[in-house]
């Protein structure tokens, strides 16, 4: 579970900016939005709003950046790090600095990392004292070596030092996962949170394995149908239709049947291998070998027609909004059913405002131990009477090219006022400045 994130000198974040999931305990609305069964209360969701280019997506990129560092050994080596520093200043020799506080297995952690173009300048992991007592060091790493509460000796210490020197752009979290060198299990627990409990969905995220996932997991498919039923988009049911490839080829109108068959003969040879055909981010079908038979799977949508008629349509007949929603559902399922922290960029992309409102309302009332954090432009979500607490709403704006992020919790807002109206009127900032063009 995420508690807070601090970002500095990363993309549009120049000065340190903090985002957190701490509730205002004086607010009495939506008590179910606060997790209290732990040492510190934490919110179940947060919405980030602001003009285009104000830094909302950069916050999502920051969360994804720190997760990638913590879980992928060669991540920093594969990217051009210099492009991630704040660049709208005359000179900038400072490191990218990030800190993230989170909870895993009822243990609270603070992970800090400073990055320069050539190496990780500093990396630290603490067991958080939550402001009530001192943080306890799990490890501290610099360019030259590592500090541990109980330092190893002799050849082991020298091996650790050599590993760090030879991997200047790899986090100790991921190195320790590959070659366990830290005796403290807390380092392993922290890695598991980044790897298993944090999920980031960008605006360009696709899900090539979506058909196969839903065909093998009845719970997610049922969850999908529950959401479609609750929010009412004219779809009676979504199902996965399975058919032997030879039979499917006799009636498909795919224009590349011969090329597809040749490709399958060369590349699909083993069980558990999957080939997916995508078109405009839509999962047309998947082909895999099941019980020795090449099998095609595709989504079929039972849609409501006139006088109660129910017709079957494929995914090409669905709107971009329906497909976008279908792509997001596994992540929302993970937040609700698996207790994951899910961060989604532009959650409302291609989705109608009323549909978006219904989706967030569904999550808001769901019983869950997870978190949903998302960026959006949809102002109708600023509904403190029916949807969001003020402390669940964050705004972003830019000044001199640098992003400032702040919570509506900083404003004294009575629970009867319309936050949406106040935002439209510019009372809280973070609004686009629009000048009329001269005719």
Protein backbone atom coordinates (compact mmCIF):
# COMPACT_ATOMS: atom_id res chain seq x y z
CA UNK A 1 0.00 0.00 0.00
CA UNK A 2 1.35 3.41 -1.00
CA UNK A 3 1.74 6.13 1.63
CA UNK A 4 3.64 8.87 -0.16
CA UNK A 5 5.98 9.76 -3.02
CA UNK A 6 8.53 12.59 -3.14
CA UNK A 7 10.05 13.59 -6.49
CA UNK A 8 12.76 16.15 -7.29
CA UNK A 9 14.63 17.08 -10.46
CA UNK A 10 12.68 14.58 -12.58
CA UNK A 11 11.07 15.74 -15.84
CA UNK A 12 8.89 18.74 -14.85
CA UNK A 13 9.45 18.30 -11.09
CA UNK A 14 12.27 20.67 -10.08
CA UNK A 15 11.82 21.43 -6.39
CA UNK A 16 10.78 18.52 -4.12
CA UNK A 17 7.08 17.72 -4.59
CA UNK A 18 5.21 15.38 -2.27
CA UNK A 19 2.13 13.31 -3.04
CA UNK A 20 0.56 11.31 -0.22
CA UNK A 21 -2.40 9.11 0.61
CA UNK A 22 -2.90 10.41 4.16
CA UNK A 23 -6.53 11.31 5.01
CA UNK A 24 -7.73 14.41 6.82
CA UNK A 25 -9.17 12.76 9.92
CA UNK A 26 -11.37 15.80 10.58
CA UNK A 27 -13.39 14.98 7.47
CA UNK A 28 -16.32 12.69 8.27
CA UNK A 29 -17.52 11.90 4.75
CA UNK A 30 -16.88 8.55 3.05
CA UNK A 31 -15.42 6.80 6.08
CA UNK A 32 -15.19 3.65 3.94
CA UNK A 33 -12.51 5.41 1.86
CA UNK A 34 -10.08 5.23 4.77
CA UNK A 35 -8.20 2.07 5.71
CA UNK A 36 -7.93 2.08 9.49
CA UNK A 37 -6.95 -1.53 10.18
CA UNK A 38 -3.25 -0.68 10.34
CA UNK A 39 -0.80 1.54 12.20
CA UNK A 40 -1.60 4.64 10.16
CA UNK A 41 -4.81 5.56 8.25
CA UNK A 42 -4.46 5.52 4.46
CA UNK A 43 -6.83 6.48 1.63
CA UNK A 44 -8.15 3.99 -0.92
CA UNK A 45 -8.02 6.29 -3.95
CA UNK A 46 -6.77 9.59 -5.35
CA UNK A 47 -7.53 11.62 -8.48
CA UNK A 48 -5.00 14.01 -10.06
CA UNK A 49 -6.38 16.85 -12.19
CA UNK A 50 -4.76 19.75 -13.99
CA UNK A 51 -4.27 21.33 -17.41
CA UNK A 52 -2.54 19.54 -20.26
CA UNK A 53 1.21 19.70 -19.77
CA UNK A 54 0.96 20.47 -16.04
CA UNK A 55 2.80 17.30 -14.97
CA UNK A 56 0.08 14.73 -14.20
CA UNK A 57 1.54 12.14 -16.55
CA UNK A 58 5.04 12.95 -15.29
CA UNK A 59 3.94 11.89 -11.82
CA UNK A 60 2.81 8.53 -13.22
CA UNK A 61 6.12 8.27 -15.07
CA UNK A 62 7.94 8.97 -11.80
CA UNK A 63 6.16 6.10 -10.04
CA UNK A 64 6.89 3.82 -13.01
CA UNK A 65 10.51 5.04 -13.07
CA UNK A 66 11.21 4.15 -9.45
CA UNK A 67 9.41 0.80 -9.81
CA UNK A 68 11.49 -0.04 -12.89
CA UNK A 69 14.72 0.83 -11.10
CA UNK A 70 13.76 -1.38 -8.15
CA UNK A 71 12.80 -4.41 -10.26
CA UNK A 72 14.79 -4.30 -13.52
CA UNK A 73 18.55 -4.74 -13.31
CA UNK A 74 19.41 -3.03 -16.61
CA UNK A 75 16.63 -0.41 -16.73
CA UNK A 76 18.87 2.65 -16.29
CA UNK A 77 21.42 1.31 -18.77
CA UNK A 78 18.79 0.99 -21.50
CA UNK A 79 17.46 4.54 -21.30
CA UNK A 80 18.97 7.97 -21.88
CA UNK A 81 19.00 9.14 -18.28
CA UNK A 82 19.89 12.73 -19.18
CA UNK A 83 16.44 13.19 -20.75
CA UNK A 84 14.75 12.62 -17.38
CA UNK A 85 16.41 15.49 -15.53
CA UNK A 86 14.62 18.85 -15.22
CA UNK A 87 15.97 20.73 -18.21
CA UNK A 88 14.41 24.21 -18.01
CA UNK A 89 17.25 25.76 -16.05
CA UNK A 90 20.63 27.15 -17.12
CA UNK A 91 22.68 24.52 -15.28
CA UNK A 92 21.63 21.43 -13.41
CA UNK A 93 24.20 19.15 -11.80
CA UNK A 94 21.89 17.80 -9.15
CA UNK A 95 20.74 14.14 -9.12
CA UNK A 96 17.26 12.90 -9.77
CA UNK A 97 15.98 12.31 -6.25
CA UNK A 98 13.04 10.09 -5.36
CA UNK A 99 11.58 8.70 -2.16
CA UNK A 100 8.62 6.40 -1.70
CA UNK A 101 6.97 5.19 1.50
CA UNK A 102 4.83 2.05 1.40
CA UNK A 103 3.44 -0.83 3.42
CA UNK A 104 3.89 -4.55 2.77
CA UNK A 105 2.87 -7.34 5.16
CA UNK A 106 2.13 -4.79 7.90
CA UNK A 107 5.68 -3.45 7.67
CA UNK A 108 6.34 0.14 6.58
CA UNK A 109 9.26 1.06 4.35
CA UNK A 110 10.97 4.18 3.02
CA UNK A 111 13.00 3.72 -0.16
CA UNK A 112 15.23 6.60 -1.31
CA UNK A 113 17.33 6.82 -4.44
CA UNK A 114 19.47 9.57 -6.02
CA UNK A 115 20.57 9.09 -9.63
CA UNK A 116 23.26 10.75 -11.73
CA UNK A 117 23.81 10.04 -15.45
CA UNK A 118 26.67 7.64 -14.76
CA UNK A 119 25.71 5.95 -11.51
CA UNK A 120 23.37 5.67 -8.56
CA UNK A 121 24.67 8.27 -6.13
CA UNK A 122 22.70 7.03 -3.13
CA UNK A 123 20.21 4.26 -2.39
CA UNK A 124 18.67 3.66 1.03
CA UNK A 125 16.00 1.42 2.49
CA UNK A 126 14.55 2.00 5.94
CA UNK A 127 11.91 0.41 8.08
CA UNK A 128 9.75 3.46 8.67
CA UNK A 129 9.10 4.69 12.20
CA UNK A 130 5.99 6.49 10.86
CA UNK A 131 7.09 9.66 12.60
CA UNK A 132 6.64 8.03 15.99
CA UNK A 133 10.16 6.63 16.33
CA UNK A 134 13.41 6.65 14.41
CA UNK A 135 13.58 4.91 11.05
CA UNK A 136 15.65 1.72 11.10
CA UNK A 137 18.26 1.20 8.41
CA UNK A 138 17.94 -1.90 6.23
CA UNK A 139 20.75 -0.86 3.87
CA UNK A 140 22.51 2.21 2.56
CA UNK A 141 24.42 2.07 -0.70
CA UNK A 142 26.75 4.55 -2.37
CA UNK A 143 28.88 4.37 -5.49
CA UNK A 144 31.66 2.64 -3.57
CA UNK A 145 29.89 0.22 -1.26
CA UNK A 146 27.14 -0.60 1.18
CA UNK A 147 26.34 -0.04 4.86
CA UNK A 148 24.27 -2.56 6.80
CA UNK A 149 23.18 -2.69 10.45
CA UNK A 150 25.26 -5.84 10.74
CA UNK A 151 28.18 -5.54 8.38
CA UNK A 152 29.56 -8.72 6.77
CA UNK A 153 33.28 -9.35 6.90
CA UNK A 154 36.09 -10.61 4.70
CA UNK A 155 35.36 -12.10 1.31
CA UNK A 156 31.58 -11.49 1.50
CA UNK A 157 32.01 -7.76 2.08
CA UNK A 158 34.53 -7.58 -0.76
CA UNK A 159 32.14 -9.49 -3.07
CA UNK A 160 29.33 -7.04 -2.28
CA UNK A 161 31.60 -4.08 -2.93
CA UNK A 162 32.74 -5.48 -6.27
CA UNK A 163 29.16 -6.23 -7.33
CA UNK A 164 28.09 -2.65 -6.62
CA UNK A 165 31.11 -1.16 -8.41
CA UNK A 166 30.50 -3.36 -11.46
CA UNK A 167 26.77 -2.47 -11.52
CA UNK A 168 26.75 1.31 -10.93
CA UNK A 169 23.28 1.75 -12.50
CA UNK A 170 21.54 -1.25 -10.92
CA UNK A 171 19.61 -0.95 -7.68
CA UNK A 172 20.72 -3.00 -4.72
CA UNK A 173 17.11 -4.16 -4.35
CA UNK A 174 17.17 -5.97 -7.68
CA UNK A 175 20.78 -7.14 -7.27
CA UNK A 176 19.91 -8.62 -3.89
CA UNK A 177 16.93 -10.38 -5.44
CA UNK A 178 19.23 -12.08 -7.96
CA UNK A 179 22.12 -12.72 -5.57
CA UNK A 180 20.91 -12.64 -1.93
CA UNK A 181 23.61 -10.79 -0.05
CA UNK A 182 21.55 -9.00 2.59
CA UNK A 183 20.55 -11.32 5.40
CA UNK A 184 17.64 -9.11 6.45
CA UNK A 185 14.39 -10.38 4.87
CA UNK A 186 13.08 -6.80 4.84
CA UNK A 187 15.01 -6.08 1.62
CA UNK A 188 13.27 -9.03 -0.04
CA UNK A 189 9.87 -7.88 1.24
CA UNK A 190 10.42 -4.38 -0.18
CA UNK A 191 11.38 -5.81 -3.57
CA UNK A 192 8.23 -7.93 -3.57
CA UNK A 193 6.05 -4.84 -3.05
CA UNK A 194 7.55 -3.11 -6.08
CA UNK A 195 7.37 -6.29 -8.15
CA UNK A 196 4.02 -7.76 -7.08
CA UNK A 197 1.88 -5.09 -5.40
CA UNK A 198 2.46 -1.97 -7.51
CA UNK A 199 0.96 -1.71 -11.00
CA UNK A 200 1.33 1.24 -13.37
CA UNK A 201 -0.88 1.64 -16.45
CA UNK A 202 0.17 4.29 -18.98
CA UNK A 203 -2.09 5.83 -21.60
CA UNK A 204 -0.45 3.67 -24.28
CA UNK A 205 -0.65 0.42 -22.33
CA UNK A 206 -2.05 -2.50 -24.28
CA UNK A 207 -2.85 -5.98 -23.02
CA UNK A 208 -1.85 -8.57 -25.64
CA UNK A 209 -2.60 -11.37 -23.19
CA UNK A 210 -6.05 -10.08 -22.25
CA UNK A 211 -8.07 -12.73 -24.11
CA UNK A 212 -5.97 -15.55 -22.73
CA UNK A 213 -6.13 -14.08 -19.22
CA UNK A 214 -9.91 -13.92 -19.20
CA UNK A 215 -10.28 -17.35 -20.79
CA UNK A 216 -8.21 -18.88 -18.00
CA UNK A 217 -9.50 -16.79 -15.10
CA UNK A 218 -13.25 -17.04 -14.65
CA UNK A 219 -13.16 -14.58 -11.75
CA UNK A 220 -11.79 -11.73 -13.89
CA UNK A 221 -14.27 -12.49 -16.66
CA UNK A 222 -17.13 -12.46 -14.17
CA UNK A 223 -15.76 -9.24 -12.68
CA UNK A 224 -15.76 -7.72 -16.18
CA UNK A 225 -19.40 -8.65 -16.68
CA UNK A 226 -20.30 -7.28 -13.27
CA UNK A 227 -18.79 -3.90 -14.16
CA UNK A 228 -20.41 -3.81 -17.59
CA UNK A 229 -23.73 -4.66 -16.00
CA UNK A 230 -23.37 -2.05 -13.23
CA UNK A 231 -22.41 0.87 -15.45
CA UNK A 232 -24.82 0.04 -18.27
CA UNK A 233 -23.23 0.33 -21.71
CA UNK A 234 -25.63 -1.93 -23.60
CA UNK A 235 -23.48 -5.06 -23.29
CA UNK A 236 -25.30 -7.98 -21.78
CA UNK A 237 -22.25 -10.21 -21.49
CA UNK A 238 -18.62 -10.60 -22.56
CA UNK A 239 -17.34 -14.08 -23.26
CA UNK A 240 -14.30 -15.74 -24.79
CA UNK A 241 -15.09 -17.97 -27.77
CA UNK A 242 -12.65 -20.82 -28.42
CA UNK A 243 -12.39 -22.67 -31.74
CA UNK A 244 -9.85 -24.97 -33.47
CA UNK A 245 -7.71 -23.02 -35.94
CA UNK A 246 -8.64 -25.20 -38.93
CA UNK A 247 -12.32 -24.60 -38.30
CA UNK A 248 -11.83 -20.88 -37.66
CA UNK A 249 -9.97 -20.45 -40.98
CA UNK A 250 -12.99 -21.70 -42.93
CA UNK A 251 -15.13 -18.73 -41.98
CA UNK A 252 -12.77 -15.89 -40.92
CA UNK A 253 -12.58 -12.85 -43.17
CA UNK A 254 -8.97 -12.14 -42.17
CA UNK A 255 -7.21 -10.89 -45.32
CA UNK A 256 -3.87 -12.39 -44.34
CA UNK A 257 -4.84 -16.02 -43.79
CA UNK A 258 -1.98 -17.45 -45.83
CA UNK A 259 0.64 -15.26 -44.13
CA UNK A 260 -0.86 -16.08 -40.74
CA UNK A 261 -0.75 -19.82 -41.42
CA UNK A 262 2.89 -19.63 -42.55
CA UNK A 263 3.82 -17.57 -39.50
CA UNK A 264 2.12 -20.04 -37.16
CA UNK A 265 3.98 -22.98 -38.71
CA UNK A 266 7.29 -21.26 -37.97
CA UNK A 267 6.68 -19.68 -34.58
CA UNK A 268 3.92 -21.56 -32.76
CA UNK A 269 5.35 -24.95 -31.90
CA UNK A 270 4.93 -25.45 -28.14
CA UNK A 271 2.20 -25.52 -25.53
CA UNK A 272 1.79 -22.25 -23.57
CA UNK A 273 3.06 -20.13 -26.48
CA UNK A 274 0.57 -17.45 -27.51
CA UNK A 275 0.31 -15.29 -30.62
CA UNK A 276 -1.94 -12.24 -30.45
CA UNK A 277 -3.28 -10.20 -33.36
CA UNK A 278 -3.83 -6.53 -32.41
CA UNK A 279 -5.44 -3.80 -34.50
CA UNK A 280 -5.79 -0.21 -33.26
CA UNK A 281 -5.12 -1.44 -29.69
CA UNK A 282 -7.95 -3.97 -30.01
CA UNK A 283 -7.33 -7.66 -29.26
CA UNK A 284 -8.68 -9.32 -32.39
CA UNK A 285 -7.76 -12.89 -31.41
CA UNK A 286 -5.11 -15.10 -29.85
CA UNK A 287 -3.80 -18.44 -31.10
CA UNK A 288 -2.20 -21.04 -28.86
CA UNK A 289 -1.69 -24.78 -28.68
CA UNK A 290 -4.03 -26.51 -26.26
CA UNK A 291 -3.96 -30.29 -25.87
CA UNK A 292 -1.96 -30.47 -29.08
CA UNK A 293 -4.51 -28.46 -31.11
CA UNK A 294 -3.94 -24.94 -32.44
CA UNK A 295 -6.81 -22.97 -30.97
CA UNK A 296 -8.19 -19.49 -31.71
CA UNK A 297 -9.78 -17.40 -28.96
CA UNK A 298 -11.60 -14.12 -29.41
CA UNK A 299 -13.92 -11.85 -27.47
CA UNK A 300 -17.63 -12.03 -28.23
CA UNK A 301 -19.94 -9.30 -26.93
CA UNK A 302 -23.60 -10.05 -26.37
CA UNK A 303 -25.26 -6.71 -27.06
CA UNK A 304 -28.82 -5.59 -26.44
CA UNK A 305 -30.91 -4.65 -29.46
CA UNK A 306 -34.50 -3.81 -30.26
CA UNK A 307 -37.35 -5.47 -28.38
CA UNK A 308 -35.01 -7.42 -26.14
CA UNK A 309 -32.99 -8.92 -28.99
CA UNK A 310 -29.45 -9.95 -28.02
CA UNK A 311 -26.89 -10.07 -30.83
CA UNK A 312 -23.28 -11.21 -30.86
CA UNK A 313 -20.61 -8.74 -31.99
CA UNK A 314 -16.82 -8.94 -32.20
CA UNK A 315 -14.35 -6.45 -30.75
CA UNK A 316 -14.06 -4.45 -33.99
CA UNK A 317 -17.69 -3.44 -33.51
CA UNK A 318 -16.89 -1.94 -30.08
CA UNK A 319 -16.07 1.69 -29.41
CA UNK A 320 -12.61 2.83 -28.36
CA UNK A 321 -14.10 3.65 -24.96
CA UNK A 322 -15.41 0.13 -24.44
CA UNK A 323 -12.05 -1.35 -25.46
CA UNK A 324 -10.15 1.08 -23.20
CA UNK A 325 -12.43 0.06 -20.31
CA UNK A 326 -11.88 -3.61 -21.10
CA UNK A 327 -8.11 -3.03 -21.01
CA UNK A 328 -8.31 -1.29 -17.61
CA UNK A 329 -10.48 -3.92 -15.94
CA UNK A 330 -7.66 -6.35 -14.98
CA UNK A 331 -5.85 -3.52 -13.18
CA UNK A 332 -9.02 -2.44 -11.37
CA UNK A 333 -9.64 -6.09 -10.50
CA UNK A 334 -6.13 -6.26 -9.02
CA UNK A 335 -6.85 -3.18 -6.89
CA UNK A 336 -10.18 -4.50 -5.61
CA UNK A 337 -9.55 -8.24 -5.34
CA UNK A 338 -5.79 -8.49 -4.78
CA UNK A 339 -5.14 -5.36 -2.73
CA UNK A 340 -2.67 -3.90 -5.23
CA UNK A 341 -1.78 -0.23 -5.59
CA UNK A 342 -2.75 0.63 -9.16
CA UNK A 343 -1.69 3.90 -10.83
CA UNK A 344 -3.43 4.76 -14.12
CA UNK A 345 -2.59 7.65 -16.43
CA UNK A 346 -5.54 9.38 -18.12
CA UNK A 347 -8.06 6.87 -16.88
CA UNK A 348 -10.82 8.72 -18.76
CA UNK A 349 -9.09 8.51 -22.16
CA UNK A 350 -11.74 7.62 -24.80
CA UNK A 351 -14.32 6.97 -22.07
CA UNK A 352 -17.56 9.00 -21.84
CA UNK A 353 -17.83 11.20 -18.71
CA UNK A 354 -20.92 9.37 -17.43
CA UNK A 355 -19.25 6.01 -17.96
CA UNK A 356 -16.13 7.29 -16.19
CA UNK A 357 -18.22 8.55 -13.29
CA UNK A 358 -19.97 5.18 -13.01
CA UNK A 359 -16.64 3.33 -13.03
CA UNK A 360 -15.16 5.44 -10.21
CA UNK A 361 -18.42 5.15 -8.29
CA UNK A 362 -18.19 1.36 -8.64
CA UNK A 363 -14.67 1.38 -7.21
CA UNK A 364 -15.53 3.89 -4.48
CA UNK A 365 -18.22 1.60 -3.07
CA UNK A 366 -16.33 -1.66 -3.57
CA UNK A 367 -14.93 -3.56 -0.62
CA UNK A 368 -11.19 -3.63 -1.17
CA UNK A 369 -7.82 -3.37 0.51
CA UNK A 370 -6.17 -1.91 -2.59
CA UNK A 371 -5.64 1.59 -3.94
CA UNK A 372 -6.58 3.29 -7.21
CA UNK A 373 -4.64 6.42 -8.17
CA UNK A 374 -5.36 8.04 -11.51
CA UNK A 375 -4.92 11.18 -13.58
CA UNK A 376 -7.92 12.64 -15.36
CA UNK A 377 -9.37 15.72 -17.04
CA UNK A 378 -12.93 14.78 -16.10
CA UNK A 379 -14.23 17.51 -13.79
CA UNK A 380 -17.49 15.69 -13.01
CA UNK A 381 -15.43 13.41 -10.76
CA UNK A 382 -14.97 16.37 -8.38
CA UNK A 383 -18.10 15.34 -6.51
CA UNK A 384 -17.55 15.32 -2.77
CA UNK A 385 -21.18 14.48 -2.08
CA UNK A 386 -21.19 11.18 -3.98
CA UNK A 387 -17.70 10.20 -5.11
CA UNK A 388 -14.49 11.69 -3.69
CA UNK A 389 -13.28 13.25 -0.47
CA UNK A 390 -11.38 16.55 -0.88
CA UNK A 391 -8.23 14.85 0.46
CA UNK A 392 -8.51 12.35 -2.42
CA UNK A 393 -8.24 15.15 -4.99
CA UNK A 394 -4.84 16.46 -6.10
CA UNK A 395 -4.16 19.30 -8.54
CA UNK A 396 -1.14 20.01 -10.72
CA UNK A 397 -0.03 23.29 -12.26
CA UNK A 398 3.15 24.72 -13.74
CA UNK A 399 5.14 27.84 -12.99
CA UNK A 400 8.30 28.64 -14.94
CA UNK A 401 8.15 25.15 -16.44
CA UNK A 402 8.13 23.39 -13.05
CA UNK A 403 5.24 21.33 -11.70
CA UNK A 404 3.60 22.07 -8.39
CA UNK A 405 1.29 19.43 -6.93
CA UNK A 406 -1.09 20.02 -4.04
CA UNK A 407 -4.14 18.49 -2.42
CA UNK A 408 -7.56 20.09 -1.96
CA UNK A 409 -7.00 19.13 1.66
CA UNK A 410 -5.06 22.42 1.85
CA UNK A 411 -8.32 24.35 1.35
CA UNK A 412 -11.06 24.82 3.94
CA UNK A 413 -13.99 23.28 2.07
CA UNK A 414 -17.42 22.77 3.58
CA UNK A 415 -18.88 19.38 2.67
CA UNK A 416 -21.89 20.99 0.98
CA UNK A 417 -20.10 23.09 -1.63
CA UNK A 418 -19.60 22.05 -5.26
CA UNK A 419 -15.89 21.42 -5.80
CA UNK A 420 -16.47 21.06 -9.53
CA UNK A 421 -18.02 24.52 -9.73
CA UNK A 422 -15.23 26.03 -7.65
CA UNK A 423 -12.61 24.40 -9.85
CA UNK A 424 -14.29 25.69 -13.02
CA UNK A 425 -14.27 29.19 -11.50
CA UNK A 426 -10.55 28.93 -10.78
CA UNK A 427 -10.77 29.01 -6.97
CA UNK A 428 -8.19 26.26 -6.52
CA UNK A 429 -5.84 27.02 -9.41
CA UNK A 430 -4.58 24.30 -11.78
CA UNK A 431 -6.77 25.56 -14.63
CA UNK A 432 -5.68 26.06 -18.23
CA UNK A 433 -5.10 29.68 -19.27
CA UNK A 434 -6.92 30.24 -22.55
CA UNK A 435 -6.67 33.38 -24.63
CA UNK A 436 -9.05 34.01 -27.51
CA UNK A 437 -7.38 34.32 -30.90
CA UNK A 438 -7.84 37.65 -32.64
CA UNK A 439 -10.10 37.34 -35.65
